[in-house]
N, C-alpha and C. Protein backbone atom coordinates (compact mmCIF):
# COMPACT_ATOMS: atom_id res chain seq x y z
N MET A 1 15.64 1.87 -8.36
CA MET A 1 14.45 2.03 -9.15
C MET A 1 14.00 3.48 -9.04
N ALA A 2 13.68 4.06 -10.14
CA ALA A 2 13.24 5.45 -10.16
C ALA A 2 11.85 5.56 -9.57
N TYR A 3 11.60 6.66 -8.89
CA TYR A 3 10.30 6.88 -8.27
C TYR A 3 9.35 7.47 -9.30
N ASN A 4 8.22 6.84 -9.49
CA ASN A 4 7.17 7.40 -10.32
C ASN A 4 5.83 6.98 -9.75
N SER A 5 4.74 7.46 -10.34
CA SER A 5 3.42 7.23 -9.75
C SER A 5 3.03 5.76 -9.78
N ASN A 6 3.46 5.02 -10.79
CA ASN A 6 3.11 3.60 -10.82
C ASN A 6 3.80 2.83 -9.70
N ASN A 7 5.05 3.16 -9.41
CA ASN A 7 5.75 2.50 -8.30
C ASN A 7 5.08 2.85 -6.97
N HIS A 8 4.65 4.09 -6.84
CA HIS A 8 3.96 4.51 -5.61
C HIS A 8 2.66 3.73 -5.45
N LYS A 9 1.90 3.58 -6.52
CA LYS A 9 0.64 2.85 -6.46
C LYS A 9 0.87 1.38 -6.10
N ARG A 10 1.93 0.79 -6.64
CA ARG A 10 2.25 -0.59 -6.30
C ARG A 10 2.62 -0.73 -4.83
N ARG A 11 3.39 0.23 -4.32
CA ARG A 11 3.78 0.19 -2.91
C ARG A 11 2.57 0.33 -2.00
N VAL A 12 1.67 1.26 -2.33
CA VAL A 12 0.46 1.45 -1.53
C VAL A 12 -0.38 0.18 -1.56
N ALA A 13 -0.53 -0.43 -2.71
CA ALA A 13 -1.31 -1.66 -2.82
C ALA A 13 -0.68 -2.78 -1.99
N GLN A 14 0.65 -2.85 -2.00
CA GLN A 14 1.33 -3.88 -1.23
C GLN A 14 1.15 -3.64 0.27
N ILE A 15 1.24 -2.39 0.71
CA ILE A 15 1.05 -2.06 2.12
C ILE A 15 -0.37 -2.39 2.55
N LEU A 16 -1.35 -2.06 1.74
CA LEU A 16 -2.75 -2.35 2.09
C LEU A 16 -3.02 -3.85 2.10
N GLU A 17 -2.35 -4.59 1.24
CA GLU A 17 -2.51 -6.04 1.25
C GLU A 17 -1.97 -6.64 2.55
N VAL A 18 -0.81 -6.18 2.99
CA VAL A 18 -0.24 -6.66 4.26
C VAL A 18 -1.14 -6.23 5.42
N TYR A 19 -1.61 -4.98 5.39
CA TYR A 19 -2.49 -4.47 6.45
C TYR A 19 -3.75 -5.31 6.55
N ASN A 20 -4.39 -5.59 5.41
CA ASN A 20 -5.63 -6.38 5.43
C ASN A 20 -5.40 -7.79 5.93
N GLY A 21 -4.22 -8.32 5.70
CA GLY A 21 -3.89 -9.64 6.22
C GLY A 21 -3.69 -9.64 7.73
N LEU A 22 -3.26 -8.51 8.27
CA LEU A 22 -3.01 -8.41 9.71
C LEU A 22 -4.22 -7.93 10.50
N LYS A 23 -5.15 -7.26 9.83
CA LYS A 23 -6.27 -6.62 10.52
C LYS A 23 -7.24 -7.65 11.07
N GLU A 24 -7.55 -7.49 12.35
CA GLU A 24 -8.57 -8.28 13.02
C GLU A 24 -9.48 -7.30 13.75
N SER A 25 -10.66 -7.72 14.07
CA SER A 25 -11.64 -6.80 14.66
C SER A 25 -11.22 -6.27 16.04
N ASP A 26 -10.44 -7.04 16.79
CA ASP A 26 -10.06 -6.61 18.12
C ASP A 26 -8.67 -5.96 18.18
N VAL A 27 -7.99 -5.82 17.06
CA VAL A 27 -6.66 -5.21 17.03
C VAL A 27 -6.77 -3.81 16.45
N PRO A 28 -6.40 -2.78 17.24
CA PRO A 28 -6.50 -1.41 16.72
C PRO A 28 -5.43 -1.13 15.67
N ASP A 29 -5.76 -0.18 14.80
CA ASP A 29 -4.83 0.19 13.72
C ASP A 29 -3.51 0.73 14.27
N THR A 30 -3.57 1.42 15.39
CA THR A 30 -2.35 1.99 15.96
C THR A 30 -1.36 0.88 16.35
N ARG A 31 -1.86 -0.23 16.84
CA ARG A 31 -0.98 -1.34 17.20
C ARG A 31 -0.39 -1.99 15.95
N ILE A 32 -1.19 -2.08 14.90
CA ILE A 32 -0.68 -2.65 13.65
C ILE A 32 0.45 -1.79 13.10
N VAL A 33 0.26 -0.46 13.13
CA VAL A 33 1.29 0.44 12.61
C VAL A 33 2.54 0.41 13.48
N ALA A 34 2.36 0.35 14.78
CA ALA A 34 3.50 0.43 15.68
C ALA A 34 4.25 -0.90 15.84
N LYS A 35 3.54 -2.03 15.80
CA LYS A 35 4.17 -3.31 16.11
C LYS A 35 4.25 -4.29 14.95
N LYS A 36 3.17 -4.41 14.19
CA LYS A 36 3.10 -5.48 13.19
C LYS A 36 3.74 -5.11 11.86
N LEU A 37 3.47 -3.91 11.36
CA LEU A 37 4.04 -3.51 10.07
C LEU A 37 5.57 -3.43 10.09
N PRO A 38 6.20 -2.90 11.17
CA PRO A 38 7.67 -2.91 11.19
C PRO A 38 8.27 -4.31 11.16
N GLU A 39 7.55 -5.31 11.66
CA GLU A 39 8.04 -6.69 11.57
C GLU A 39 8.10 -7.15 10.12
N LYS A 40 7.25 -6.57 9.28
CA LYS A 40 7.21 -6.91 7.86
C LYS A 40 8.10 -5.99 7.02
N GLY A 41 8.80 -5.05 7.67
CA GLY A 41 9.70 -4.15 6.97
C GLY A 41 9.02 -2.91 6.42
N ILE A 42 7.85 -2.59 6.94
CA ILE A 42 7.10 -1.41 6.49
C ILE A 42 7.07 -0.41 7.64
N HIS A 43 7.69 0.73 7.44
CA HIS A 43 7.76 1.76 8.46
C HIS A 43 7.04 3.01 7.97
N ILE A 44 5.76 3.12 8.34
CA ILE A 44 4.96 4.29 7.98
C ILE A 44 4.24 4.80 9.21
N SER A 45 3.75 6.01 9.13
CA SER A 45 3.01 6.58 10.25
C SER A 45 1.54 6.20 10.17
N TYR A 46 0.85 6.40 11.27
CA TYR A 46 -0.58 6.13 11.32
C TYR A 46 -1.32 7.01 10.32
N ARG A 47 -0.93 8.26 10.24
CA ARG A 47 -1.58 9.18 9.32
C ARG A 47 -1.40 8.75 7.86
N THR A 48 -0.22 8.28 7.51
CA THR A 48 0.03 7.79 6.16
C THR A 48 -0.85 6.58 5.86
N LEU A 49 -0.98 5.66 6.81
CA LEU A 49 -1.84 4.50 6.62
C LEU A 49 -3.28 4.93 6.40
N MET A 50 -3.75 5.92 7.15
CA MET A 50 -5.13 6.39 6.99
C MET A 50 -5.31 7.04 5.61
N ASN A 51 -4.30 7.75 5.14
CA ASN A 51 -4.38 8.32 3.79
C ASN A 51 -4.43 7.22 2.73
N TYR A 52 -3.64 6.17 2.91
CA TYR A 52 -3.65 5.05 1.97
C TYR A 52 -5.00 4.33 2.00
N LYS A 53 -5.55 4.13 3.19
CA LYS A 53 -6.84 3.46 3.29
C LYS A 53 -7.96 4.29 2.67
N GLY A 54 -7.81 5.60 2.65
CA GLY A 54 -8.83 6.48 2.10
C GLY A 54 -8.76 6.66 0.60
N MET A 55 -7.75 6.06 -0.03
CA MET A 55 -7.63 6.20 -1.49
C MET A 55 -8.73 5.41 -2.19
N LYS A 56 -9.21 5.95 -3.29
CA LYS A 56 -10.21 5.26 -4.10
C LYS A 56 -9.54 4.12 -4.85
N PRO A 57 -10.28 3.06 -5.14
CA PRO A 57 -9.69 1.96 -5.91
C PRO A 57 -9.17 2.39 -7.28
N SER A 58 -9.81 3.38 -7.88
CA SER A 58 -9.35 3.85 -9.19
C SER A 58 -8.00 4.56 -9.09
N GLU A 59 -7.66 5.11 -7.92
CA GLU A 59 -6.37 5.76 -7.72
C GLU A 59 -5.25 4.75 -7.54
N LEU A 60 -5.59 3.52 -7.17
CA LEU A 60 -4.58 2.50 -6.90
C LEU A 60 -4.23 1.67 -8.12
N GLN A 61 -5.01 1.74 -9.17
CA GLN A 61 -4.76 0.90 -10.33
C GLN A 61 -3.65 1.48 -11.19
N THR A 62 -2.72 0.61 -11.55
CA THR A 62 -1.64 1.03 -12.44
C THR A 62 -2.07 0.76 -13.88
N GLU A 63 -1.48 1.45 -14.79
CA GLU A 63 -1.82 1.28 -16.18
C GLU A 63 -1.04 0.11 -16.76
N GLN A 64 -1.71 -1.01 -16.95
CA GLN A 64 -1.07 -2.21 -17.46
C GLN A 64 -0.78 -2.11 -18.95
N LEU A 65 -1.51 -1.26 -19.66
CA LEU A 65 -1.31 -1.16 -21.10
C LEU A 65 0.07 -0.63 -21.46
N ASN A 66 0.67 0.15 -20.59
CA ASN A 66 2.00 0.67 -20.86
C ASN A 66 3.03 -0.45 -20.98
N LEU A 67 2.86 -1.52 -20.25
CA LEU A 67 3.81 -2.63 -20.32
C LEU A 67 3.74 -3.32 -21.67
N PHE A 68 2.55 -3.43 -22.22
CA PHE A 68 2.39 -4.12 -23.49
C PHE A 68 2.69 -3.23 -24.68
N ALA A 69 2.52 -1.93 -24.52
CA ALA A 69 2.76 -0.99 -25.62
C ALA A 69 4.25 -0.96 -25.97
N ILE A 70 5.11 -1.16 -25.00
CA ILE A 70 6.56 -1.14 -25.25
C ILE A 70 6.98 -2.37 -26.05
N ALA A 71 6.36 -3.51 -25.79
CA ALA A 71 6.75 -4.75 -26.44
C ALA A 71 6.32 -4.82 -27.90
N VAL A 72 5.39 -3.99 -28.30
CA VAL A 72 4.86 -4.05 -29.69
C VAL A 72 5.80 -3.44 -30.66
């Protein structure tokens, strides 16, 4: 699959979804990055996770209209 911004946004959204499912109040983010995410097949650094968490919701949305414009 070719790399483009929509694929990147989907990957970030998927990583954040897995992270939010694993996050508990007593589990630090460093442990999630080091132990839990690799179990799910996600290998990223702590800094990358913090950058993803800091993204605005508008930056994570993919343009759905492009999918329908091709079919017309």
